[in-house]
Every structure is written in structure tokens, then in C-alpha cells.
Amino acid sequence: MQTSVTIKQALNASLKNQLTVINQYFLHARMCGSWGLEGLNSQEFKRSIKAMKQADEIIERILFLEGLPNLQDLGKLYIGEDVPEILENDTRASNEVIAQLREAITVCESEQDYVSRDMLTEILEEEEEQLDWLEAQQWAIENTNLPNYIQTMMEKG
């Protein structure tokens, strides 16, 4: 099924963001794991897998629309050097993903591609949940102090 170039560009922009955050979350997971922060390692790893599944959905949709998914274009990775910076950088990336998804949803709506719109809306909801989690972690650090927060992240779960 063919669609407009605008839809394919919007979907590829969404794909670019998902491919970027896969790498960022995965590296952050492994950094946290090496620091003994199994709770953060687990959360970041799960998030990277979720981003991979979202990227797969977008790839499938682009192919269905007879487009070519661009897996070579990646955005800038924001890599943190400590826990607060990791959370801050993930928040920054999440906000960028959310902004782009909203733009892509608007494009899909204007082009009357409601299937792509619905798919991107589901991804947007998951991204907003991730952003809520990140903001809650930053709040916890501010209100319990970093050493106490880090202690809670040493165990999985």
C-alpha cells in the first residue's frame, strides 16, 4: 500500500528517535549494572527493549507502506556519567521523542493515515509513561538525597 512521502518521512523520523534511544538506554543500563545498581540496570534495559519493539513496529509499518526504513540515521546520544546525569539525559531524550511523535501524529492525522496515527499514539503513551518514571526518579533523588536513592537501586525490583 503506497502512501505520501510526508508520512514516510514522519515515520522514519520516529524510527530515528527510537533507534537512538535504544542505544542510549542500553548503554546506561550496562553502566548502572557495572556500578551495582541492578534496579536502574533492569529499568534501563527493559526500556531499551521496549524502544526496540517500537522501532520494529515502525519498520513494519514503513515497509507495509512501500517505503524504505532508514536504519542508518541516528540522533545524538546523551550519555550520563553518573546517576543524576543519566536520568537527566534520558529525560532530555524522552522529551525529544515525545515532541517528534506529536508532530508525526499530526502529519498522519492531516494525511488521513489513521492506522499510523494510532500506532504512534500508542508509542507516545508509552513514552509519556517513561517520562513520568524518569521525573519520579529525579524527584526521589531531590527528596531523599542521592546516596539514599542509590541504595534503593542496588537491588532489582
N, C-alpha and C. Protein backbone atom coordinates (compact mmCIF):
# COMPACT_ATOMS: atom_id res chain seq x y z
N MET A 1 0.85 -1.18 0.00
CA MET A 1 0.00 0.00 0.00
C MET A 1 0.89 1.23 0.00
N GLN A 2 0.71 2.07 -0.97
CA GLN A 2 1.52 3.29 -1.04
C GLN A 2 0.88 4.40 -0.23
N THR A 3 1.73 5.30 0.21
CA THR A 3 1.27 6.47 0.97
C THR A 3 2.11 7.66 0.56
N SER A 4 1.83 8.79 1.18
CA SER A 4 2.56 10.00 0.82
C SER A 4 3.99 9.97 1.35
N VAL A 5 4.83 10.74 0.71
CA VAL A 5 6.22 10.89 1.14
C VAL A 5 6.26 11.50 2.54
N THR A 6 5.33 12.38 2.83
CA THR A 6 5.28 13.04 4.13
C THR A 6 5.10 12.04 5.27
N ILE A 7 4.23 11.07 5.06
CA ILE A 7 4.01 10.02 6.07
C ILE A 7 5.29 9.21 6.26
N LYS A 8 5.90 8.81 5.16
CA LYS A 8 7.12 8.02 5.25
C LYS A 8 8.23 8.79 5.97
N GLN A 9 8.33 10.08 5.70
CA GLN A 9 9.33 10.90 6.38
C GLN A 9 9.04 10.99 7.87
N ALA A 10 7.78 11.17 8.22
CA ALA A 10 7.41 11.26 9.64
C ALA A 10 7.70 9.94 10.36
N LEU A 11 7.38 8.83 9.70
CA LEU A 11 7.65 7.52 10.31
C LEU A 11 9.15 7.27 10.43
N ASN A 12 9.92 7.66 9.43
CA ASN A 12 11.38 7.50 9.52
C ASN A 12 11.97 8.39 10.59
N ALA A 13 11.41 9.56 10.82
CA ALA A 13 11.89 10.43 11.90
C ALA A 13 11.61 9.77 13.26
N SER A 14 10.44 9.15 13.38
CA SER A 14 10.12 8.42 14.61
C SER A 14 11.05 7.23 14.79
N LEU A 15 11.35 6.55 13.69
CA LEU A 15 12.28 5.43 13.74
C LEU A 15 13.66 5.88 14.18
N LYS A 16 14.12 6.98 13.65
CA LYS A 16 15.43 7.53 14.02
C LYS A 16 15.51 7.73 15.54
N ASN A 17 14.47 8.32 16.11
CA ASN A 17 14.47 8.56 17.55
C ASN A 17 14.47 7.26 18.35
N GLN A 18 13.71 6.28 17.91
CA GLN A 18 13.68 5.01 18.63
C GLN A 18 15.03 4.31 18.55
N LEU A 19 15.65 4.33 17.38
CA LEU A 19 16.97 3.71 17.24
C LEU A 19 18.01 4.41 18.11
N THR A 20 17.88 5.70 18.25
CA THR A 20 18.82 6.47 19.08
C THR A 20 18.66 6.10 20.55
N VAL A 21 17.41 6.10 21.04
CA VAL A 21 17.22 5.83 22.47
C VAL A 21 17.49 4.37 22.83
N ILE A 22 17.35 3.46 21.87
CA ILE A 22 17.73 2.07 22.14
C ILE A 22 19.18 2.05 22.63
N ASN A 23 20.04 2.70 21.88
CA ASN A 23 21.47 2.71 22.21
C ASN A 23 21.75 3.44 23.52
N GLN A 24 21.10 4.57 23.72
CA GLN A 24 21.32 5.34 24.93
C GLN A 24 20.87 4.56 26.16
N TYR A 25 19.66 4.02 26.13
CA TYR A 25 19.17 3.27 27.28
C TYR A 25 19.99 2.01 27.53
N PHE A 26 20.40 1.35 26.45
CA PHE A 26 21.19 0.12 26.62
C PHE A 26 22.53 0.42 27.28
N LEU A 27 23.21 1.46 26.81
CA LEU A 27 24.49 1.81 27.43
C LEU A 27 24.30 2.23 28.88
N HIS A 28 23.28 3.04 29.15
CA HIS A 28 23.00 3.45 30.53
C HIS A 28 22.71 2.23 31.41
N ALA A 29 21.99 1.25 30.87
CA ALA A 29 21.69 0.04 31.64
C ALA A 29 22.98 -0.66 32.03
N ARG A 30 23.84 -0.84 31.08
CA ARG A 30 25.08 -1.56 31.36
C ARG A 30 26.01 -0.77 32.28
N MET A 31 26.00 0.55 32.17
CA MET A 31 26.78 1.38 33.10
C MET A 31 26.26 1.19 34.52
N CYS A 32 24.93 1.26 34.68
CA CYS A 32 24.33 1.11 36.01
C CYS A 32 24.61 -0.29 36.56
N GLY A 33 24.55 -1.29 35.70
CA GLY A 33 24.86 -2.65 36.13
C GLY A 33 26.29 -2.77 36.62
N SER A 34 27.20 -2.12 35.93
CA SER A 34 28.62 -2.21 36.35
C SER A 34 28.85 -1.46 37.65
N TRP A 35 27.97 -0.52 37.99
CA TRP A 35 28.08 0.21 39.26
C TRP A 35 27.35 -0.51 40.39
N GLY A 36 26.72 -1.65 40.08
CA GLY A 36 25.99 -2.41 41.08
C GLY A 36 24.57 -1.91 41.30
N LEU A 37 24.07 -1.09 40.41
CA LEU A 37 22.72 -0.54 40.54
C LEU A 37 21.76 -1.38 39.71
N GLU A 38 21.43 -2.56 40.24
CA GLU A 38 20.63 -3.52 39.49
C GLU A 38 19.23 -3.01 39.18
N GLY A 39 18.66 -2.20 40.07
CA GLY A 39 17.32 -1.64 39.82
C GLY A 39 17.32 -0.74 38.59
N LEU A 40 18.30 0.13 38.50
CA LEU A 40 18.39 1.02 37.33
C LEU A 40 18.80 0.24 36.09
N ASN A 41 19.71 -0.71 36.25
CA ASN A 41 20.12 -1.56 35.14
C ASN A 41 18.89 -2.23 34.53
N SER A 42 18.07 -2.82 35.37
CA SER A 42 16.87 -3.52 34.92
C SER A 42 15.91 -2.58 34.21
N GLN A 43 15.64 -1.43 34.80
CA GLN A 43 14.70 -0.47 34.22
C GLN A 43 15.20 0.05 32.87
N GLU A 44 16.47 0.42 32.81
CA GLU A 44 17.03 0.96 31.56
C GLU A 44 17.07 -0.13 30.48
N PHE A 45 17.41 -1.35 30.87
CA PHE A 45 17.45 -2.44 29.90
C PHE A 45 16.05 -2.72 29.34
N LYS A 46 15.05 -2.79 30.23
CA LYS A 46 13.68 -3.01 29.79
C LYS A 46 13.24 -1.91 28.83
N ARG A 47 13.64 -0.68 29.13
CA ARG A 47 13.27 0.44 28.28
C ARG A 47 13.93 0.34 26.91
N SER A 48 15.18 -0.13 26.87
CA SER A 48 15.85 -0.27 25.57
C SER A 48 15.16 -1.35 24.73
N ILE A 49 14.71 -2.42 25.37
CA ILE A 49 13.99 -3.48 24.66
C ILE A 49 12.65 -2.97 24.16
N LYS A 50 11.96 -2.18 24.98
CA LYS A 50 10.68 -1.61 24.55
C LYS A 50 10.89 -0.70 23.35
N ALA A 51 11.95 0.12 23.37
CA ALA A 51 12.24 1.00 22.24
C ALA A 51 12.55 0.17 20.99
N MET A 52 13.20 -0.98 21.18
CA MET A 52 13.50 -1.86 20.04
C MET A 52 12.20 -2.41 19.44
N LYS A 53 11.27 -2.80 20.28
CA LYS A 53 9.98 -3.30 19.80
C LYS A 53 9.20 -2.19 19.09
N GLN A 54 9.27 -0.98 19.63
CA GLN A 54 8.60 0.14 18.97
C GLN A 54 9.24 0.43 17.61
N ALA A 55 10.56 0.37 17.55
CA ALA A 55 11.25 0.57 16.27
C ALA A 55 10.82 -0.51 15.27
N ASP A 56 10.67 -1.74 15.74
CA ASP A 56 10.24 -2.82 14.87
C ASP A 56 8.84 -2.55 14.31
N GLU A 57 7.94 -2.07 15.14
CA GLU A 57 6.58 -1.72 14.68
C GLU A 57 6.64 -0.66 13.58
N ILE A 58 7.47 0.33 13.80
CA ILE A 58 7.59 1.42 12.82
C ILE A 58 8.20 0.90 11.53
N ILE A 59 9.21 0.05 11.63
CA ILE A 59 9.83 -0.55 10.44
C ILE A 59 8.78 -1.33 9.64
N GLU A 60 8.01 -2.16 10.34
CA GLU A 60 6.96 -2.94 9.68
C GLU A 60 5.96 -2.03 8.97
N ARG A 61 5.60 -0.94 9.61
CA ARG A 61 4.62 -0.01 9.00
C ARG A 61 5.21 0.67 7.77
N ILE A 62 6.45 1.11 7.85
CA ILE A 62 7.10 1.74 6.69
C ILE A 62 7.16 0.76 5.53
N LEU A 63 7.54 -0.47 5.79
CA LEU A 63 7.60 -1.48 4.73
C LEU A 63 6.21 -1.75 4.14
N PHE A 64 5.21 -1.82 5.00
CA PHE A 64 3.84 -2.03 4.52
C PHE A 64 3.41 -0.89 3.59
N LEU A 65 3.87 0.31 3.90
CA LEU A 65 3.52 1.49 3.08
C LEU A 65 4.45 1.65 1.88
N GLU A 66 5.23 0.59 1.60
CA GLU A 66 6.14 0.54 0.47
C GLU A 66 7.23 1.60 0.54
N GLY A 67 7.65 1.88 1.76
CA GLY A 67 8.77 2.80 1.98
C GLY A 67 10.01 2.03 2.37
N LEU A 68 11.08 2.75 2.54
CA LEU A 68 12.35 2.15 2.93
C LEU A 68 12.73 2.68 4.31
N PRO A 69 12.71 1.81 5.34
CA PRO A 69 13.11 2.26 6.67
C PRO A 69 14.60 2.64 6.67
N ASN A 70 14.89 3.78 7.26
CA ASN A 70 16.27 4.25 7.34
C ASN A 70 16.84 3.89 8.70
N LEU A 71 17.66 2.85 8.72
CA LEU A 71 18.28 2.42 9.97
C LEU A 71 19.69 2.98 10.14
N GLN A 72 20.12 3.77 9.19
CA GLN A 72 21.47 4.33 9.26
C GLN A 72 21.52 5.69 9.94
N ASP A 73 20.38 6.35 10.05
CA ASP A 73 20.34 7.69 10.61
C ASP A 73 20.05 7.62 12.11
N LEU A 74 21.01 8.02 12.90
CA LEU A 74 20.83 8.06 14.35
C LEU A 74 21.01 9.48 14.85
N GLY A 75 20.29 9.81 15.91
CA GLY A 75 20.45 11.11 16.53
C GLY A 75 21.59 11.09 17.53
N LYS A 76 21.73 12.19 18.23
CA LYS A 76 22.79 12.33 19.23
C LYS A 76 22.43 11.55 20.49
N LEU A 77 23.40 10.78 20.98
CA LEU A 77 23.23 10.09 22.25
C LEU A 77 23.64 11.04 23.37
N TYR A 78 22.84 11.10 24.41
CA TYR A 78 23.16 11.90 25.59
C TYR A 78 23.55 10.91 26.70
N ILE A 79 24.84 10.71 26.87
CA ILE A 79 25.33 9.72 27.81
C ILE A 79 25.69 10.40 29.13
N GLY A 80 25.11 9.89 30.21
CA GLY A 80 25.40 10.42 31.53
C GLY A 80 26.63 9.76 32.13
N GLU A 81 27.30 10.50 33.00
CA GLU A 81 28.49 9.95 33.67
C GLU A 81 28.22 9.56 35.11
N ASP A 82 27.04 9.90 35.61
CA ASP A 82 26.62 9.48 36.94
C ASP A 82 25.09 9.34 36.92
N VAL A 83 24.52 8.89 38.00
CA VAL A 83 23.08 8.60 38.03
C VAL A 83 22.23 9.84 37.74
N PRO A 84 22.45 10.97 38.41
CA PRO A 84 21.61 12.12 38.09
C PRO A 84 21.72 12.55 36.62
N GLU A 85 22.92 12.47 36.08
CA GLU A 85 23.10 12.86 34.67
C GLU A 85 22.45 11.86 33.74
N ILE A 86 22.49 10.58 34.07
CA ILE A 86 21.81 9.57 33.27
C ILE A 86 20.32 9.87 33.22
N LEU A 87 19.72 10.12 34.37
CA LEU A 87 18.29 10.41 34.43
C LEU A 87 17.96 11.71 33.70
N GLU A 88 18.81 12.72 33.86
CA GLU A 88 18.59 13.99 33.17
C GLU A 88 18.68 13.81 31.66
N ASN A 89 19.67 13.07 31.20
CA ASN A 89 19.84 12.86 29.76
C ASN A 89 18.74 11.99 29.17
N ASP A 90 18.29 11.01 29.93
CA ASP A 90 17.17 10.20 29.46
C ASP A 90 15.89 11.04 29.39
N THR A 91 15.73 11.94 30.33
CA THR A 91 14.58 12.86 30.30
C THR A 91 14.65 13.74 29.06
N ARG A 92 15.82 14.25 28.78
CA ARG A 92 16.01 15.09 27.59
C ARG A 92 15.67 14.32 26.31
N ALA A 93 16.18 13.10 26.19
CA ALA A 93 15.90 12.28 25.02
C ALA A 93 14.41 11.94 24.93
N SER A 94 13.82 11.62 26.06
CA SER A 94 12.39 11.29 26.09
C SER A 94 11.54 12.47 25.64
N ASN A 95 11.89 13.65 26.09
CA ASN A 95 11.15 14.85 25.66
C ASN A 95 11.27 15.07 24.16
N GLU A 96 12.44 14.81 23.60
CA GLU A 96 12.63 14.95 22.16
C GLU A 96 11.79 13.93 21.40
N VAL A 97 11.78 12.70 21.88
CA VAL A 97 10.98 11.64 21.25
C VAL A 97 9.50 12.02 21.28
N ILE A 98 9.03 12.48 22.43
CA ILE A 98 7.62 12.85 22.59
C ILE A 98 7.25 13.99 21.64
N ALA A 99 8.09 15.00 21.56
CA ALA A 99 7.80 16.14 20.67
C ALA A 99 7.71 15.68 19.21
N GLN A 100 8.63 14.82 18.80
CA GLN A 100 8.62 14.33 17.41
C GLN A 100 7.40 13.46 17.16
N LEU A 101 7.05 12.61 18.11
CA LEU A 101 5.87 11.76 17.94
C LEU A 101 4.61 12.60 17.79
N ARG A 102 4.50 13.65 18.55
CA ARG A 102 3.33 14.53 18.43
C ARG A 102 3.26 15.15 17.03
N GLU A 103 4.41 15.56 16.51
CA GLU A 103 4.45 16.10 15.15
C GLU A 103 4.04 15.04 14.13
N ALA A 104 4.57 13.83 14.28
CA ALA A 104 4.26 12.75 13.35
C ALA A 104 2.77 12.38 13.41
N ILE A 105 2.21 12.39 14.60
CA ILE A 105 0.78 12.10 14.75
C ILE A 105 -0.04 13.15 14.03
N THR A 106 0.36 14.40 14.13
CA THR A 106 -0.34 15.49 13.43
C THR A 106 -0.26 15.29 11.92
N VAL A 107 0.91 14.89 11.43
CA VAL A 107 1.08 14.62 10.00
C VAL A 107 0.15 13.49 9.57
N CYS A 108 0.14 12.42 10.33
CA CYS A 108 -0.71 11.27 10.00
C CYS A 108 -2.18 11.68 9.98
N GLU A 109 -2.56 12.47 10.95
CA GLU A 109 -3.94 12.96 11.03
C GLU A 109 -4.29 13.79 9.79
N SER A 110 -3.42 14.70 9.42
CA SER A 110 -3.70 15.57 8.27
C SER A 110 -3.70 14.79 6.95
N GLU A 111 -2.93 13.70 6.89
CA GLU A 111 -2.87 12.87 5.68
C GLU A 111 -3.90 11.74 5.72
N GLN A 112 -4.68 11.70 6.77
CA GLN A 112 -5.73 10.70 6.97
C GLN A 112 -5.19 9.26 7.00
N ASP A 113 -4.02 9.09 7.58
CA ASP A 113 -3.45 7.76 7.81
C ASP A 113 -3.69 7.43 9.28
N TYR A 114 -4.87 6.90 9.55
CA TYR A 114 -5.29 6.68 10.93
C TYR A 114 -4.63 5.45 11.56
N VAL A 115 -4.21 4.52 10.75
CA VAL A 115 -3.52 3.34 11.29
C VAL A 115 -2.15 3.75 11.83
N SER A 116 -1.40 4.53 11.05
CA SER A 116 -0.09 5.02 11.53
C SER A 116 -0.29 5.93 12.73
N ARG A 117 -1.31 6.77 12.67
CA ARG A 117 -1.59 7.66 13.81
C ARG A 117 -1.83 6.87 15.08
N ASP A 118 -2.64 5.83 14.99
CA ASP A 118 -2.96 5.03 16.18
C ASP A 118 -1.71 4.33 16.72
N MET A 119 -0.89 3.80 15.82
CA MET A 119 0.35 3.15 16.24
C MET A 119 1.26 4.14 16.97
N LEU A 120 1.43 5.32 16.38
CA LEU A 120 2.28 6.33 17.00
C LEU A 120 1.69 6.86 18.31
N THR A 121 0.37 6.90 18.40
CA THR A 121 -0.28 7.34 19.64
C THR A 121 0.00 6.35 20.77
N GLU A 122 -0.01 5.04 20.45
CA GLU A 122 0.33 4.03 21.46
C GLU A 122 1.78 4.19 21.92
N ILE A 123 2.67 4.44 20.97
CA ILE A 123 4.08 4.64 21.32
C ILE A 123 4.22 5.90 22.17
N LEU A 124 3.49 6.95 21.81
CA LEU A 124 3.52 8.19 22.58
C LEU A 124 3.10 7.96 24.02
N GLU A 125 2.05 7.19 24.22
CA GLU A 125 1.59 6.90 25.58
C GLU A 125 2.66 6.19 26.39
N GLU A 126 3.36 5.23 25.76
CA GLU A 126 4.44 4.53 26.45
C GLU A 126 5.60 5.47 26.75
N GLU A 127 5.89 6.38 25.84
CA GLU A 127 6.97 7.36 26.06
C GLU A 127 6.61 8.30 27.21
N GLU A 128 5.34 8.69 27.28
CA GLU A 128 4.91 9.58 28.37
C GLU A 128 4.99 8.87 29.72
N GLU A 129 4.70 7.57 29.73
CA GLU A 129 4.85 6.78 30.96
C GLU A 129 6.32 6.73 31.38
N GLN A 130 7.21 6.56 30.40
CA GLN A 130 8.65 6.56 30.68
C GLN A 130 9.09 7.90 31.24
N LEU A 131 8.60 8.97 30.65
CA LEU A 131 8.95 10.31 31.14
C LEU A 131 8.46 10.50 32.58
N ASP A 132 7.26 10.04 32.87
CA ASP A 132 6.75 10.12 34.25
C ASP A 132 7.67 9.37 35.21
N TRP A 133 8.12 8.17 34.81
CA TRP A 133 9.02 7.39 35.66
C TRP A 133 10.33 8.14 35.88
N LEU A 134 10.88 8.69 34.81
CA LEU A 134 12.15 9.43 34.94
C LEU A 134 12.00 10.63 35.87
N GLU A 135 10.91 11.36 35.72
CA GLU A 135 10.67 12.52 36.59
C GLU A 135 10.48 12.10 38.03
N ALA A 136 9.85 10.94 38.24
CA ALA A 136 9.68 10.43 39.61
C ALA A 136 11.03 10.08 40.23
N GLN A 137 11.94 9.54 39.43
CA GLN A 137 13.28 9.22 39.94
C GLN A 137 14.04 10.49 40.31
N GLN A 138 13.92 11.50 39.48
CA GLN A 138 14.59 12.77 39.78
C GLN A 138 14.00 13.40 41.05
N TRP A 139 12.69 13.28 41.22
CA TRP A 139 12.04 13.79 42.43
C TRP A 139 12.56 13.02 43.65
N ALA A 140 12.70 11.71 43.51
CA ALA A 140 13.18 10.88 44.62
C ALA A 140 14.59 11.28 45.03
N ILE A 141 15.44 11.57 44.06
CA ILE A 141 16.81 12.00 44.38
C ILE A 141 16.78 13.32 45.13
N GLU A 142 15.97 14.25 44.65
CA GLU A 142 15.88 15.57 45.29
C GLU A 142 15.35 15.48 46.71
N ASN A 143 14.45 14.53 46.96
CA ASN A 143 13.79 14.47 48.26
C ASN A 143 14.34 13.44 49.22
N THR A 144 15.19 12.54 48.75
CA THR A 144 15.77 11.55 49.66
C THR A 144 17.29 11.62 49.68
N ASN A 145 17.85 12.44 48.83
CA ASN A 145 19.30 12.59 48.65
C ASN A 145 19.85 11.42 47.82
N LEU A 146 20.88 11.72 47.08
CA LEU A 146 21.45 10.75 46.14
C LEU A 146 21.92 9.46 46.80
N PRO A 147 22.65 9.49 47.91
CA PRO A 147 23.10 8.22 48.50
C PRO A 147 21.94 7.29 48.87
N ASN A 148 20.87 7.84 49.41
CA ASN A 148 19.70 7.01 49.76
C ASN A 148 19.04 6.44 48.51
N TYR A 149 18.94 7.26 47.48
CA TYR A 149 18.34 6.80 46.22
C TYR A 149 19.19 5.66 45.63
N ILE A 150 20.48 5.87 45.59
CA ILE A 150 21.38 4.85 45.02
C ILE A 150 21.26 3.54 45.79
N GLN A 151 21.13 3.63 47.09
CA GLN A 151 20.98 2.42 47.89
C GLN A 151 19.72 1.65 47.49
N THR A 152 18.63 2.38 47.19
CA THR A 152 17.40 1.69 46.78
C THR A 152 17.54 1.04 45.42
N MET A 153 18.48 1.50 44.61
CA MET A 153 18.66 0.97 43.26
C MET A 153 19.68 -0.16 43.19
N MET A 154 20.21 -0.56 44.33
CA MET A 154 21.20 -1.63 44.32
C MET A 154 20.56 -3.01 44.16
N GLU A 155 19.29 -3.10 44.45
CA GLU A 155 18.59 -4.37 44.29
C GLU A 155 17.61 -4.27 43.15
N LYS A 156 17.42 -5.38 42.49
CA LYS A 156 16.46 -5.44 41.40
C LYS A 156 15.06 -5.34 41.94
N GLY A 157 14.20 -4.65 41.19
CA GLY A 157 12.79 -4.67 41.56
C GLY A 157 12.33 -3.41 42.18
